[in-house]
Amino acid sequence: MTNVFARSTPWQTIGGGVKKNCRDGWGTIVFEYRQAEEVRDAFAEQGVRYLFLGKSGAILLGYPDTTQDADVFVEKSAANGDAIVLSLLQLGFELTDDEQSQIRRGKDFIQLKNGPFDLDLIFAPDGINHFEDAWRRRVEVAGFMVCAIDDIINSKRAANREKDRESLARLESFRDYLNSRG
């Protein structure tokens, strides 16, 4: 079987003659559209039921911002857990046995930083009671399964972290913009 996508690889250089001018760890890692495509394609190949959530989901809906990782709300089931593990290994994530076990049993929140990009798997997001409810309200954009903007806002409101509270007004304004477009 041939993969229909290529793994993300960091750029080796940003240009000839350019010197490094900041200390290691000062750079900001930004989740990119092509990484979302890789997740979409790998999950589709294995039949994973998922929804992009959080700021990454809002960005896929057209929200003008950046994020450091992707938040993916995944259905909690044994079959889906197995499919997620296969997908992540195919993408190049180096999953420990413990991480694979956590994914298969559907631990509420799993933060992965051991792959080609950072990815948060969320089996029980704040503010959303059931995957099936969010699935019925989902928006499909270019093959991406994305939580409805109201679910993204409700999740951020329920999480009640400072960074989420700071973004709520802009997300609500974006929702109003989406609704005005029909």
N, C-alpha and C. Protein backbone atom coordinates (compact mmCIF):
# COMPACT_ATOMS: atom_id res chain seq x y z
N MET A 1 0.84 -1.16 0.00
CA MET A 1 0.00 0.00 0.00
C MET A 1 0.90 1.24 0.00
N THR A 2 0.57 2.22 -0.79
CA THR A 2 1.36 3.43 -0.90
C THR A 2 0.70 4.55 -0.11
N ASN A 3 1.48 5.25 0.71
CA ASN A 3 0.94 6.39 1.44
C ASN A 3 0.62 7.51 0.47
N VAL A 4 -0.44 8.25 0.76
CA VAL A 4 -0.83 9.35 -0.11
C VAL A 4 -0.32 10.69 0.41
N PHE A 5 0.57 10.64 1.38
CA PHE A 5 1.11 11.87 1.95
C PHE A 5 2.54 11.64 2.38
N ALA A 6 3.25 12.73 2.61
CA ALA A 6 4.63 12.65 3.08
C ALA A 6 4.70 13.24 4.48
N ARG A 7 5.58 12.70 5.31
CA ARG A 7 5.72 13.20 6.67
C ARG A 7 6.34 14.59 6.67
N SER A 8 5.95 15.39 7.66
CA SER A 8 6.56 16.71 7.80
C SER A 8 8.02 16.55 8.20
N THR A 9 8.85 17.38 7.63
CA THR A 9 10.24 17.42 8.04
C THR A 9 10.63 18.88 8.24
N PRO A 10 11.36 19.18 9.30
CA PRO A 10 11.75 20.57 9.52
C PRO A 10 12.74 21.03 8.45
N TRP A 11 12.69 22.31 8.13
CA TRP A 11 13.64 22.88 7.18
C TRP A 11 15.03 22.79 7.76
N GLN A 12 15.99 22.41 6.93
CA GLN A 12 17.37 22.33 7.38
C GLN A 12 18.02 23.70 7.42
N THR A 13 17.58 24.61 6.58
CA THR A 13 18.13 25.95 6.55
C THR A 13 17.05 26.91 6.09
N ILE A 14 17.17 28.15 6.51
CA ILE A 14 16.19 29.13 6.06
C ILE A 14 16.74 30.02 4.96
N GLY A 15 17.99 29.83 4.62
CA GLY A 15 18.56 30.60 3.53
C GLY A 15 20.07 30.63 3.61
N GLY A 16 20.72 30.73 2.45
CA GLY A 16 22.17 30.75 2.40
C GLY A 16 22.74 31.96 3.13
N GLY A 17 23.71 31.73 3.98
CA GLY A 17 24.40 32.82 4.65
C GLY A 17 23.68 33.39 5.87
N VAL A 18 22.52 32.87 6.18
CA VAL A 18 21.77 33.39 7.33
C VAL A 18 22.35 32.77 8.60
N LYS A 19 22.68 33.63 9.56
CA LYS A 19 23.24 33.14 10.82
C LYS A 19 22.13 32.99 11.84
N LYS A 20 22.32 32.02 12.70
CA LYS A 20 21.41 31.82 13.82
C LYS A 20 21.58 33.00 14.76
N ASN A 21 20.49 33.68 15.11
CA ASN A 21 20.63 34.86 15.96
C ASN A 21 19.78 34.81 17.22
N CYS A 22 19.26 33.64 17.56
CA CYS A 22 18.57 33.53 18.84
C CYS A 22 18.93 32.21 19.48
N ARG A 23 18.78 32.13 20.78
CA ARG A 23 19.15 30.94 21.52
C ARG A 23 18.18 29.80 21.23
N ASP A 24 18.67 28.58 21.38
CA ASP A 24 17.80 27.42 21.23
C ASP A 24 16.63 27.55 22.19
N GLY A 25 15.45 27.15 21.71
CA GLY A 25 14.27 27.18 22.55
C GLY A 25 13.51 28.49 22.48
N TRP A 26 14.04 29.51 21.81
CA TRP A 26 13.35 30.79 21.73
C TRP A 26 12.39 30.85 20.56
N GLY A 27 12.53 29.96 19.63
CA GLY A 27 11.67 29.99 18.44
C GLY A 27 10.27 29.50 18.79
N THR A 28 9.29 29.95 18.04
CA THR A 28 7.93 29.51 18.23
C THR A 28 7.60 28.47 17.17
N ILE A 29 7.12 27.34 17.62
CA ILE A 29 6.69 26.31 16.70
C ILE A 29 5.22 26.58 16.39
N VAL A 30 4.89 26.56 15.11
CA VAL A 30 3.53 26.85 14.69
C VAL A 30 2.98 25.65 13.94
N PHE A 31 1.80 25.23 14.31
CA PHE A 31 1.13 24.15 13.60
C PHE A 31 0.71 24.66 12.23
N GLU A 32 1.01 23.88 11.21
CA GLU A 32 0.78 24.31 9.84
C GLU A 32 -0.32 23.49 9.17
N TYR A 33 -0.92 24.09 8.15
CA TYR A 33 -2.01 23.46 7.40
C TYR A 33 -1.60 22.09 6.86
N ARG A 34 -0.37 21.98 6.36
CA ARG A 34 0.06 20.70 5.79
C ARG A 34 0.09 19.61 6.85
N GLN A 35 0.33 19.98 8.11
CA GLN A 35 0.30 18.99 9.18
C GLN A 35 -1.14 18.54 9.45
N ALA A 36 -2.08 19.49 9.37
CA ALA A 36 -3.49 19.12 9.49
C ALA A 36 -3.88 18.17 8.37
N GLU A 37 -3.36 18.42 7.16
CA GLU A 37 -3.63 17.51 6.04
C GLU A 37 -3.09 16.12 6.33
N GLU A 38 -1.92 16.04 6.92
CA GLU A 38 -1.33 14.74 7.24
C GLU A 38 -2.18 13.98 8.25
N VAL A 39 -2.65 14.70 9.28
CA VAL A 39 -3.53 14.07 10.26
C VAL A 39 -4.81 13.60 9.57
N ARG A 40 -5.42 14.47 8.79
CA ARG A 40 -6.66 14.12 8.07
C ARG A 40 -6.46 12.86 7.23
N ASP A 41 -5.40 12.84 6.44
CA ASP A 41 -5.18 11.74 5.52
C ASP A 41 -4.86 10.43 6.25
N ALA A 42 -4.02 10.50 7.27
CA ALA A 42 -3.68 9.30 8.04
C ALA A 42 -4.90 8.76 8.78
N PHE A 43 -5.67 9.65 9.38
CA PHE A 43 -6.88 9.22 10.09
C PHE A 43 -7.90 8.64 9.11
N ALA A 44 -8.04 9.24 7.95
CA ALA A 44 -9.00 8.73 6.95
C ALA A 44 -8.58 7.33 6.50
N GLU A 45 -7.29 7.13 6.29
CA GLU A 45 -6.79 5.83 5.83
C GLU A 45 -7.11 4.72 6.83
N GLN A 46 -7.07 5.05 8.13
CA GLN A 46 -7.32 4.04 9.17
C GLN A 46 -8.77 4.06 9.68
N GLY A 47 -9.58 5.00 9.18
CA GLY A 47 -10.98 5.07 9.60
C GLY A 47 -11.18 5.67 10.98
N VAL A 48 -10.29 6.55 11.41
CA VAL A 48 -10.40 7.19 12.72
C VAL A 48 -11.56 8.18 12.72
N ARG A 49 -12.35 8.15 13.77
CA ARG A 49 -13.41 9.16 13.96
C ARG A 49 -12.82 10.25 14.85
N TYR A 50 -12.75 11.46 14.31
CA TYR A 50 -12.08 12.57 14.98
C TYR A 50 -12.75 13.88 14.57
N LEU A 51 -12.46 14.90 15.35
CA LEU A 51 -12.86 16.28 15.03
C LEU A 51 -11.74 17.20 15.47
N PHE A 52 -11.30 18.09 14.59
CA PHE A 52 -10.37 19.13 15.03
C PHE A 52 -11.13 20.04 15.98
N LEU A 53 -10.47 20.43 17.05
CA LEU A 53 -11.08 21.22 18.12
C LEU A 53 -10.12 22.34 18.49
N GLY A 54 -10.53 23.25 19.32
CA GLY A 54 -9.65 24.30 19.80
C GLY A 54 -9.30 25.27 18.69
N LYS A 55 -8.18 25.94 18.90
CA LYS A 55 -7.78 26.96 17.93
C LYS A 55 -7.46 26.35 16.57
N SER A 56 -6.90 25.12 16.56
CA SER A 56 -6.62 24.49 15.26
C SER A 56 -7.91 24.26 14.49
N GLY A 57 -8.98 23.87 15.18
CA GLY A 57 -10.27 23.71 14.52
C GLY A 57 -10.80 25.03 13.99
N ALA A 58 -10.69 26.08 14.82
CA ALA A 58 -11.15 27.40 14.39
C ALA A 58 -10.36 27.88 13.18
N ILE A 59 -9.07 27.64 13.16
CA ILE A 59 -8.23 28.06 12.03
C ILE A 59 -8.69 27.36 10.75
N LEU A 60 -9.02 26.07 10.85
CA LEU A 60 -9.50 25.35 9.67
C LEU A 60 -10.84 25.90 9.19
N LEU A 61 -11.59 26.53 10.09
CA LEU A 61 -12.85 27.18 9.70
C LEU A 61 -12.62 28.57 9.11
N GLY A 62 -11.36 29.06 9.18
CA GLY A 62 -11.02 30.37 8.61
C GLY A 62 -10.63 31.41 9.63
N TYR A 63 -10.56 31.06 10.90
CA TYR A 63 -10.18 32.00 11.96
C TYR A 63 -8.73 32.45 11.76
N PRO A 64 -8.49 33.76 11.74
CA PRO A 64 -7.14 34.26 11.45
C PRO A 64 -6.24 34.29 12.69
N ASP A 65 -5.55 33.20 12.95
CA ASP A 65 -4.66 33.12 14.10
C ASP A 65 -3.68 31.98 13.88
N THR A 66 -2.83 31.74 14.85
CA THR A 66 -1.91 30.61 14.80
C THR A 66 -2.03 29.82 16.10
N THR A 67 -1.49 28.63 16.08
CA THR A 67 -1.45 27.79 17.28
C THR A 67 -0.18 26.96 17.22
N GLN A 68 0.22 26.46 18.37
CA GLN A 68 1.46 25.68 18.42
C GLN A 68 1.23 24.19 18.20
N ASP A 69 -0.01 23.75 18.33
CA ASP A 69 -0.28 22.33 18.16
C ASP A 69 -1.69 22.16 17.60
N ALA A 70 -2.04 20.93 17.34
CA ALA A 70 -3.41 20.63 16.92
C ALA A 70 -4.11 19.92 18.07
N ASP A 71 -5.35 20.30 18.27
CA ASP A 71 -6.20 19.63 19.24
C ASP A 71 -7.19 18.78 18.47
N VAL A 72 -7.21 17.49 18.77
CA VAL A 72 -8.09 16.59 18.05
C VAL A 72 -8.96 15.84 19.06
N PHE A 73 -10.27 16.04 18.95
CA PHE A 73 -11.26 15.34 19.75
C PHE A 73 -11.51 14.02 19.05
N VAL A 74 -11.22 12.91 19.73
CA VAL A 74 -11.34 11.59 19.12
C VAL A 74 -12.37 10.75 19.86
N GLU A 75 -13.08 9.96 19.09
CA GLU A 75 -14.10 9.09 19.67
C GLU A 75 -13.43 8.02 20.53
N LYS A 76 -14.04 7.79 21.68
CA LYS A 76 -13.50 6.81 22.64
C LYS A 76 -14.12 5.45 22.36
N SER A 77 -13.34 4.59 21.70
CA SER A 77 -13.74 3.20 21.47
C SER A 77 -12.46 2.40 21.23
N ALA A 78 -12.54 1.11 21.47
CA ALA A 78 -11.35 0.27 21.29
C ALA A 78 -10.87 0.29 19.84
N ALA A 79 -11.81 0.17 18.91
CA ALA A 79 -11.43 0.15 17.48
C ALA A 79 -10.83 1.49 17.07
N ASN A 80 -11.40 2.58 17.53
CA ASN A 80 -10.87 3.90 17.19
C ASN A 80 -9.48 4.08 17.81
N GLY A 81 -9.30 3.62 19.04
CA GLY A 81 -7.99 3.71 19.69
C GLY A 81 -6.92 2.97 18.91
N ASP A 82 -7.24 1.76 18.46
CA ASP A 82 -6.28 1.00 17.65
C ASP A 82 -5.94 1.74 16.36
N ALA A 83 -6.97 2.31 15.72
CA ALA A 83 -6.77 3.04 14.46
C ALA A 83 -5.93 4.29 14.68
N ILE A 84 -6.13 4.97 15.80
CA ILE A 84 -5.35 6.16 16.11
C ILE A 84 -3.87 5.80 16.27
N VAL A 85 -3.61 4.74 17.02
CA VAL A 85 -2.22 4.30 17.22
C VAL A 85 -1.56 4.01 15.88
N LEU A 86 -2.22 3.24 15.02
CA LEU A 86 -1.65 2.93 13.70
C LEU A 86 -1.39 4.21 12.89
N SER A 87 -2.33 5.13 12.93
CA SER A 87 -2.19 6.39 12.18
C SER A 87 -0.99 7.19 12.67
N LEU A 88 -0.86 7.30 13.99
CA LEU A 88 0.23 8.10 14.56
C LEU A 88 1.59 7.47 14.28
N LEU A 89 1.68 6.16 14.37
CA LEU A 89 2.93 5.49 14.04
C LEU A 89 3.28 5.72 12.57
N GLN A 90 2.28 5.66 11.71
CA GLN A 90 2.49 5.90 10.28
C GLN A 90 2.97 7.33 10.03
N LEU A 91 2.47 8.28 10.82
CA LEU A 91 2.89 9.68 10.68
C LEU A 91 4.30 9.93 11.21
N GLY A 92 4.85 8.99 11.98
CA GLY A 92 6.20 9.16 12.50
C GLY A 92 6.26 9.51 13.97
N PHE A 93 5.14 9.39 14.69
CA PHE A 93 5.16 9.60 16.14
C PHE A 93 5.82 8.39 16.78
N GLU A 94 6.70 8.64 17.73
CA GLU A 94 7.38 7.58 18.47
C GLU A 94 6.63 7.36 19.77
N LEU A 95 5.65 6.49 19.73
CA LEU A 95 4.78 6.26 20.88
C LEU A 95 5.36 5.19 21.79
N THR A 96 5.43 5.50 23.08
CA THR A 96 5.84 4.50 24.06
C THR A 96 4.70 3.50 24.23
N ASP A 97 5.01 2.37 24.85
CA ASP A 97 3.96 1.39 25.13
C ASP A 97 2.88 2.00 26.01
N ASP A 98 3.29 2.85 26.98
CA ASP A 98 2.32 3.50 27.87
C ASP A 98 1.41 4.45 27.08
N GLU A 99 1.98 5.23 26.16
CA GLU A 99 1.16 6.14 25.34
C GLU A 99 0.19 5.36 24.47
N GLN A 100 0.65 4.26 23.90
CA GLN A 100 -0.25 3.44 23.08
C GLN A 100 -1.40 2.90 23.93
N SER A 101 -1.09 2.48 25.14
CA SER A 101 -2.12 1.98 26.05
C SER A 101 -3.11 3.08 26.42
N GLN A 102 -2.60 4.29 26.70
CA GLN A 102 -3.47 5.42 27.04
C GLN A 102 -4.42 5.75 25.89
N ILE A 103 -3.90 5.71 24.67
CA ILE A 103 -4.73 5.99 23.49
C ILE A 103 -5.79 4.91 23.33
N ARG A 104 -5.39 3.67 23.46
CA ARG A 104 -6.33 2.56 23.25
C ARG A 104 -7.45 2.56 24.29
N ARG A 105 -7.14 2.97 25.51
CA ARG A 105 -8.19 2.98 26.54
C ARG A 105 -8.93 4.32 26.60
N GLY A 106 -8.46 5.32 25.84
CA GLY A 106 -9.16 6.60 25.76
C GLY A 106 -8.96 7.50 26.96
N LYS A 107 -7.72 7.62 27.42
CA LYS A 107 -7.42 8.57 28.50
C LYS A 107 -7.93 9.95 28.10
N ASP A 108 -8.48 10.70 29.04
CA ASP A 108 -9.14 11.98 28.73
C ASP A 108 -8.31 12.92 27.87
N PHE A 109 -7.00 13.06 28.18
CA PHE A 109 -6.15 14.02 27.47
C PHE A 109 -4.75 13.44 27.34
N ILE A 110 -4.23 13.44 26.12
CA ILE A 110 -2.89 12.93 25.86
C ILE A 110 -2.15 13.95 25.00
N GLN A 111 -1.05 14.45 25.53
CA GLN A 111 -0.25 15.44 24.81
C GLN A 111 0.96 14.75 24.20
N LEU A 112 1.07 14.82 22.87
CA LEU A 112 2.16 14.15 22.16
C LEU A 112 3.14 15.19 21.62
N LYS A 113 4.39 15.06 22.02
CA LYS A 113 5.46 15.96 21.55
C LYS A 113 6.62 15.15 20.98
N ASN A 114 6.34 13.90 20.63
CA ASN A 114 7.38 12.98 20.19
C ASN A 114 7.19 12.55 18.74
N GLY A 115 6.76 13.51 17.93
CA GLY A 115 6.55 13.21 16.51
C GLY A 115 6.96 14.38 15.65
N PRO A 116 6.51 14.39 14.42
CA PRO A 116 6.89 15.46 13.49
C PRO A 116 6.27 16.82 13.83
N PHE A 117 5.27 16.83 14.73
CA PHE A 117 4.64 18.06 15.21
C PHE A 117 3.92 17.72 16.51
N ASP A 118 3.52 18.74 17.25
CA ASP A 118 2.82 18.53 18.53
C ASP A 118 1.34 18.28 18.27
N LEU A 119 0.79 17.32 19.01
CA LEU A 119 -0.60 16.94 18.81
C LEU A 119 -1.21 16.59 20.16
N ASP A 120 -2.38 17.16 20.44
CA ASP A 120 -3.13 16.82 21.65
C ASP A 120 -4.32 15.97 21.25
N LEU A 121 -4.42 14.78 21.84
CA LEU A 121 -5.57 13.91 21.65
C LEU A 121 -6.49 14.12 22.84
N ILE A 122 -7.74 14.44 22.56
CA ILE A 122 -8.69 14.75 23.62
C ILE A 122 -9.88 13.82 23.49
N PHE A 123 -10.05 12.96 24.48
CA PHE A 123 -11.18 12.03 24.47
C PHE A 123 -12.36 12.58 25.26
N ALA A 124 -12.12 13.57 26.13
CA ALA A 124 -13.18 14.15 26.95
C ALA A 124 -12.94 15.65 27.10
N PRO A 125 -13.25 16.42 26.06
CA PRO A 125 -13.00 17.86 26.15
C PRO A 125 -13.97 18.56 27.09
N ASP A 126 -13.49 19.61 27.72
CA ASP A 126 -14.35 20.42 28.56
C ASP A 126 -15.47 21.00 27.69
N GLY A 127 -16.68 21.04 28.23
CA GLY A 127 -17.79 21.72 27.56
C GLY A 127 -18.49 20.91 26.48
N ILE A 128 -18.04 19.70 26.20
CA ILE A 128 -18.71 18.84 25.22
C ILE A 128 -18.93 17.48 25.89
N ASN A 129 -20.18 17.10 26.03
CA ASN A 129 -20.49 15.89 26.80
C ASN A 129 -20.27 14.59 26.04
N HIS A 130 -20.62 14.57 24.75
CA HIS A 130 -20.56 13.32 24.00
C HIS A 130 -20.00 13.56 22.60
N PHE A 131 -19.14 12.66 22.16
CA PHE A 131 -18.59 12.76 20.82
C PHE A 131 -19.70 12.77 19.78
N GLU A 132 -20.68 11.90 19.93
CA GLU A 132 -21.76 11.80 18.93
C GLU A 132 -22.50 13.13 18.75
N ASP A 133 -22.70 13.86 19.84
CA ASP A 133 -23.38 15.16 19.73
C ASP A 133 -22.53 16.12 18.90
N ALA A 134 -21.24 16.17 19.19
CA ALA A 134 -20.34 17.05 18.44
C ALA A 134 -20.24 16.58 16.99
N TRP A 135 -20.26 15.28 16.77
CA TRP A 135 -20.18 14.73 15.41
C TRP A 135 -21.38 15.19 14.57
N ARG A 136 -22.56 15.19 15.17
CA ARG A 136 -23.75 15.64 14.43
C ARG A 136 -23.68 17.12 14.07
N ARG A 137 -22.99 17.91 14.87
CA ARG A 137 -22.88 19.36 14.62
C ARG A 137 -21.63 19.73 13.82
N ARG A 138 -20.80 18.76 13.47
CA ARG A 138 -19.50 19.02 12.83
C ARG A 138 -19.66 19.80 11.53
N VAL A 139 -18.53 20.38 11.12
CA VAL A 139 -18.42 21.05 9.84
C VAL A 139 -17.32 20.33 9.08
N GLU A 140 -17.56 20.03 7.82
CA GLU A 140 -16.52 19.42 7.00
C GLU A 140 -15.97 20.49 6.07
N VAL A 141 -14.66 20.71 6.17
CA VAL A 141 -13.98 21.71 5.36
C VAL A 141 -12.82 21.03 4.65
N ALA A 142 -12.87 20.94 3.34
CA ALA A 142 -11.80 20.33 2.54
C ALA A 142 -11.42 18.94 3.06
N GLY A 143 -12.42 18.18 3.48
CA GLY A 143 -12.18 16.84 4.00
C GLY A 143 -11.80 16.78 5.47
N PHE A 144 -11.62 17.94 6.11
CA PHE A 144 -11.32 17.99 7.54
C PHE A 144 -12.62 17.90 8.32
N MET A 145 -12.65 17.07 9.33
CA MET A 145 -13.78 17.01 10.24
C MET A 145 -13.47 17.98 11.39
N VAL A 146 -14.32 19.01 11.53
CA VAL A 146 -14.04 20.09 12.47
C VAL A 146 -15.24 20.28 13.37
N CYS A 147 -14.99 20.49 14.65
CA CYS A 147 -16.07 20.83 15.57
C CYS A 147 -16.73 22.12 15.12
N ALA A 148 -18.02 22.22 15.36
CA ALA A 148 -18.74 23.46 15.08
C ALA A 148 -18.14 24.57 15.93
N ILE A 149 -18.18 25.78 15.42
CA ILE A 149 -17.58 26.91 16.14
C ILE A 149 -18.19 27.07 17.53
N ASP A 150 -19.48 26.79 17.69
CA ASP A 150 -20.09 26.88 19.02
C ASP A 150 -19.48 25.86 19.98
N ASP A 151 -19.16 24.66 19.50
CA ASP A 151 -18.51 23.66 20.35
C ASP A 151 -17.10 24.11 20.72
N ILE A 152 -16.39 24.71 19.78
CA ILE A 152 -15.04 25.21 20.07
C ILE A 152 -15.11 26.29 21.15
N ILE A 153 -16.05 27.21 21.01
CA ILE A 153 -16.23 28.29 22.00
C ILE A 153 -16.64 27.72 23.35
N ASN A 154 -17.62 26.80 23.36
CA ASN A 154 -18.07 26.22 24.62
C ASN A 154 -16.96 25.46 25.33
N SER A 155 -16.11 24.79 24.57
CA SER A 155 -15.00 24.06 25.17
C SER A 155 -13.99 25.02 25.80
N LYS A 156 -13.68 26.08 25.09
CA LYS A 156 -12.74 27.07 25.65
C LYS A 156 -13.32 27.74 26.89
N ARG A 157 -14.61 28.06 26.84
CA ARG A 157 -15.25 28.69 28.00
C ARG A 157 -15.23 27.74 29.20
N ALA A 158 -15.54 26.48 28.98
CA ALA A 158 -15.57 25.50 30.07
C ALA A 158 -14.17 25.22 30.62
N ALA A 159 -13.14 25.24 29.77
CA ALA A 159 -11.77 25.01 30.24
C ALA A 159 -11.34 26.13 31.17
N ASN A 160 -11.78 27.34 30.89
CA ASN A 160 -11.58 28.50 31.76
C ASN A 160 -10.11 28.81 32.05
N ARG A 161 -9.23 28.49 31.11
CA ARG A 161 -7.83 28.88 31.26
C ARG A 161 -7.70 30.34 30.83
N GLU A 162 -6.70 31.01 31.36
CA GLU A 162 -6.53 32.43 31.03
C GLU A 162 -6.41 32.65 29.53
N LYS A 163 -5.60 31.82 28.86
CA LYS A 163 -5.42 32.01 27.42
C LYS A 163 -6.72 31.77 26.66
N ASP A 164 -7.58 30.89 27.17
CA ASP A 164 -8.87 30.66 26.52
C ASP A 164 -9.82 31.83 26.76
N ARG A 165 -9.83 32.34 27.97
CA ARG A 165 -10.69 33.51 28.27
C ARG A 165 -10.30 34.70 27.41
N GLU A 166 -8.99 34.87 27.19
CA GLU A 166 -8.52 35.99 26.37
C GLU A 166 -8.96 35.89 24.92
N SER A 167 -9.15 34.68 24.41
CA SER A 167 -9.51 34.51 23.00
C SER A 167 -11.02 34.42 22.77
N LEU A 168 -11.82 34.33 23.83
CA LEU A 168 -13.25 34.13 23.67
C LEU A 168 -13.94 35.24 22.87
N ALA A 169 -13.66 36.48 23.17
CA ALA A 169 -14.33 37.58 22.47
C ALA A 169 -14.03 37.54 20.97
N ARG A 170 -12.79 37.24 20.61
CA ARG A 170 -12.44 37.16 19.18
C ARG A 170 -13.10 35.96 18.51
N LEU A 171 -13.16 34.83 19.22
CA LEU A 171 -13.83 33.66 18.65
C LEU A 171 -15.33 33.91 18.49
N GLU A 172 -15.93 34.58 19.45
CA GLU A 172 -17.36 34.90 19.33
C GLU A 172 -17.62 35.85 18.17
N SER A 173 -16.73 36.80 17.99
CA SER A 173 -16.85 37.71 16.85
C SER A 173 -16.71 36.94 15.54
N PHE A 174 -15.79 35.99 15.50
CA PHE A 174 -15.61 35.16 14.32
C PHE A 174 -16.87 34.33 14.06
N ARG A 175 -17.47 33.79 15.12
CA ARG A 175 -18.73 33.03 14.97
C ARG A 175 -19.82 33.91 14.37
N ASP A 176 -19.90 35.16 14.86
CA ASP A 176 -20.90 36.09 14.31
C ASP A 176 -20.65 36.34 12.82
N TYR A 177 -19.38 36.46 12.46
CA TYR A 177 -19.01 36.64 11.05
C TYR A 177 -19.45 35.42 10.24
N LEU A 178 -19.15 34.22 10.73
CA LEU A 178 -19.56 33.00 10.01
C LEU A 178 -21.07 32.94 9.86
N ASN A 179 -21.78 33.26 10.92
CA ASN A 179 -23.25 33.22 10.86
C ASN A 179 -23.82 34.26 9.90
N SER A 180 -23.15 35.40 9.77
CA SER A 180 -23.66 36.45 8.88
C SER A 180 -23.48 36.06 7.41
N ARG A 181 -22.58 35.13 7.15
CA ARG A 181 -22.33 34.68 5.78
C ARG A 181 -23.32 33.60 5.34
N GLY A 182 -24.10 33.11 6.30
CA GLY A 182 -25.11 32.12 5.96
C GLY A 182 -24.63 30.79 6.14
